[in-house]
Amino acid sequence: VIPPPVIHIESYSEDSITFSLKMTTNIKVNGYVVNIYWTFDTHRQEKRTLIIEGEKSIQKVANLTAHTPYEISAWAKTELGDSPLSFVHVVTSGTRPSSPSLKAKAINQTAVECSWTGPRNVVYGIFYATSFLELYRSPHNTTTTSHNITVLVQRDEQYLFLV
């Protein structure tokens, strides 16, 4: 039986998590697949996937949000097949930034100007869809470090926006 990998949180800060991966077996490990999950504004679960080569590994994941719960799951790819999943949870330190205040204004039939308030020198994600279900499951999205962006949309549709 292939055991699940051991995920150990080495350290964490406001914007990063460092963790190690190892297996407690003599089975040859070719690498790991790691998923990092977090929830955005209770509407959208985000995920980042890492493909890691080798048997032992220490990884640092950066560009995270302060005071946010993250779930890290991993499985090992071995010479005998894939291992079961392991999970670990961690909350980054610091104070979570306040939600930006979004204003969306139609410029014409196919363009919407979005602008918001918030801190400088961060990356903003803009999510939009024609229904709450689509906004949750598979929204259109883009990122920017600015405080405004023009989004192109389909004509004769109503859209919901999140930033």
Protein backbone atom coordinates (compact mmCIF):
# COMPACT_ATOMS: atom_id res chain seq x y z
CA VAL A 1 0.00 0.00 0.00
CA ILE A 2 1.29 3.43 -0.92
CA PRO A 3 0.97 5.86 2.04
CA PRO A 4 -0.06 9.50 1.57
CA PRO A 5 2.74 12.08 1.65
CA VAL A 6 3.49 14.05 4.80
CA ILE A 7 2.90 17.79 4.37
CA HIS A 8 4.65 19.88 7.03
CA ILE A 9 4.16 23.64 7.30
CA GLU A 10 7.67 25.03 7.78
CA SER A 11 6.61 28.69 8.08
CA TYR A 12 4.02 31.21 6.94
CA SER A 13 3.68 34.98 6.75
CA GLU A 14 1.17 37.55 5.51
CA ASP A 15 1.77 36.66 1.86
CA SER A 16 3.48 33.25 1.71
CA ILE A 17 3.50 29.67 2.99
CA THR A 18 6.56 27.41 3.04
CA PHE A 19 5.95 23.67 3.35
CA SER A 20 7.86 20.41 2.95
CA LEU A 21 6.76 17.14 1.35
CA LYS A 22 8.12 13.69 2.09
CA MET A 23 7.07 10.05 1.99
CA THR A 24 7.47 7.56 4.83
CA THR A 25 8.13 4.61 2.55
CA ASN A 26 10.91 3.00 0.54
CA ILE A 27 8.84 3.23 -2.66
CA LYS A 28 10.56 5.44 -5.24
CA VAL A 29 8.83 8.82 -5.54
CA ASN A 30 8.95 10.54 -8.93
CA GLY A 31 7.25 13.74 -7.79
CA TYR A 32 4.19 15.36 -6.23
CA VAL A 33 1.05 17.16 -7.34
CA VAL A 34 0.03 19.91 -4.93
CA ASN A 35 -3.17 21.98 -4.96
CA ILE A 36 -3.58 25.13 -2.87
CA TYR A 37 -7.23 26.16 -2.38
CA TRP A 38 -8.78 29.30 -0.94
CA THR A 39 -12.18 30.98 -1.14
CA PHE A 40 -12.61 34.36 -2.73
CA ASP A 41 -15.48 36.48 -1.34
CA THR A 42 -17.52 33.33 -0.48
CA HIS A 43 -18.52 33.14 -4.17
CA ARG A 44 -15.48 31.65 -5.82
CA GLN A 45 -13.04 28.94 -4.79
CA GLU A 46 -9.59 29.57 -6.23
CA LYS A 47 -6.88 26.97 -6.82
CA ARG A 48 -3.20 26.99 -7.67
CA THR A 49 -1.58 23.70 -8.81
CA LEU A 50 2.12 22.87 -8.46
CA ILE A 51 3.82 19.94 -10.23
CA ILE A 52 6.96 19.06 -8.26
CA GLU A 53 9.69 16.71 -9.46
CA GLY A 54 11.77 14.58 -7.07
CA GLU A 55 11.45 12.72 -3.77
CA LYS A 56 11.81 15.40 -1.08
CA SER A 57 10.79 18.94 -1.50
CA ILE A 58 10.49 22.29 0.26
CA GLN A 59 8.23 24.73 -1.53
CA LYS A 60 7.41 28.39 -0.95
CA VAL A 61 4.11 29.68 -2.31
CA ALA A 62 4.03 33.48 -2.52
CA ASN A 63 1.57 36.19 -3.58
CA LEU A 64 -1.02 35.07 -1.04
CA THR A 65 -3.48 37.20 0.94
CA ALA A 66 -3.05 38.07 4.63
CA HIS A 67 -5.29 36.39 7.23
CA THR A 68 -6.79 33.97 4.71
CA PRO A 69 -7.43 30.23 5.25
CA TYR A 70 -5.62 27.99 2.75
CA GLU A 71 -5.96 24.25 2.21
CA ILE A 72 -2.98 22.40 0.78
CA SER A 73 -3.55 18.93 -0.67
CA ALA A 74 -0.88 16.70 -2.17
CA TRP A 75 -0.34 13.27 -3.57
CA ALA A 76 2.82 11.50 -4.61
CA LYS A 77 3.51 10.01 -8.02
CA THR A 78 5.48 6.82 -7.36
CA GLU A 79 6.87 3.93 -9.38
CA LEU A 80 3.83 1.88 -8.21
CA GLY A 81 1.20 4.52 -8.95
CA ASP A 82 -0.33 7.54 -7.24
CA SER A 83 -0.63 7.78 -3.46
CA PRO A 84 -3.75 8.83 -1.53
CA LEU A 85 -4.24 12.55 -0.81
CA SER A 86 -2.90 14.39 2.23
CA PHE A 87 -4.39 17.64 3.50
CA VAL A 88 -3.19 20.45 5.74
CA HIS A 89 -4.80 23.78 6.61
CA VAL A 90 -3.09 27.06 7.47
CA VAL A 91 -4.20 30.67 7.90
CA THR A 92 -1.74 33.33 6.77
CA SER A 93 -0.77 35.93 9.38
CA GLY A 94 -1.54 39.63 9.36
CA THR A 95 -4.73 41.56 8.74
CA ARG A 96 -6.90 40.73 5.76
CA PRO A 97 -7.23 43.72 3.43
CA SER A 98 -10.66 45.33 3.33
CA SER A 99 -12.85 44.61 0.33
CA PRO A 100 -12.57 47.19 -2.42
CA SER A 101 -15.57 49.36 -3.26
CA LEU A 102 -16.49 48.63 -6.90
CA LYS A 103 -18.32 50.86 -9.36
CA ALA A 104 -19.26 49.55 -12.80
CA LYS A 105 -20.52 51.87 -15.54
CA ALA A 106 -21.57 50.90 -19.06
CA ILE A 107 -19.60 52.85 -21.66
CA ASN A 108 -21.54 51.38 -24.60
CA GLN A 109 -23.29 48.12 -25.58
CA THR A 110 -20.10 46.03 -25.25
CA ALA A 111 -17.82 47.83 -22.77
CA VAL A 112 -18.06 48.37 -19.02
CA GLU A 113 -15.69 50.63 -17.08
CA CYS A 114 -14.93 49.14 -13.65
CA SER A 115 -13.22 51.24 -10.97
CA TRP A 116 -12.61 50.60 -7.28
CA THR A 117 -10.87 51.82 -4.17
CA GLY A 118 -8.22 49.88 -2.29
CA PRO A 119 -4.53 49.63 -1.46
CA ARG A 120 -1.81 50.29 -4.04
CA ASN A 121 0.85 47.81 -5.17
CA VAL A 122 -1.41 44.75 -5.07
CA VAL A 123 -2.96 42.58 -7.78
CA TYR A 124 -6.74 42.82 -8.18
CA GLY A 125 -8.89 40.12 -9.75
CA ILE A 126 -11.99 41.19 -11.65
CA PHE A 127 -14.65 38.50 -12.05
CA TYR A 128 -17.83 38.88 -14.10
CA ALA A 129 -20.69 36.73 -15.35
CA THR A 130 -24.34 36.87 -16.39
CA SER A 131 -25.63 34.89 -13.36
CA PHE A 132 -24.64 34.08 -9.79
CA LEU A 133 -24.20 30.43 -10.75
CA GLU A 134 -21.80 31.34 -13.56
CA LEU A 135 -20.04 33.83 -11.27
CA TYR A 136 -19.44 30.98 -8.80
CA ARG A 137 -18.59 28.19 -11.23
CA SER A 138 -16.81 29.72 -14.22
CA PRO A 139 -16.69 33.51 -14.38
CA HIS A 140 -14.78 35.54 -16.92
CA ASN A 141 -11.83 37.11 -15.14
CA THR A 142 -8.80 39.28 -15.52
CA THR A 143 -6.19 40.79 -13.22
CA THR A 144 -4.60 44.20 -12.92
CA THR A 145 -2.54 46.31 -10.52
CA SER A 146 -4.57 49.39 -11.49
CA HIS A 147 -7.74 50.67 -9.86
CA ASN A 148 -9.76 50.60 -13.06
CA ILE A 149 -10.20 48.49 -16.17
CA THR A 150 -12.49 48.39 -19.18
CA VAL A 151 -14.12 44.99 -19.62
CA LEU A 152 -15.55 43.87 -22.97
CA VAL A 153 -18.89 42.05 -22.68
CA GLN A 154 -21.61 40.64 -24.94
CA ARG A 155 -24.31 43.06 -25.98
CA ASP A 156 -27.88 42.71 -24.65
CA GLU A 157 -26.76 40.91 -21.45
CA GLN A 158 -26.76 41.96 -17.80
CA TYR A 159 -23.55 41.25 -15.87
CA LEU A 160 -22.52 40.81 -12.24
CA PHE A 161 -19.06 42.05 -11.25
CA LEU A 162 -16.71 41.29 -8.34
CA VAL A 163 -13.28 42.77 -7.66
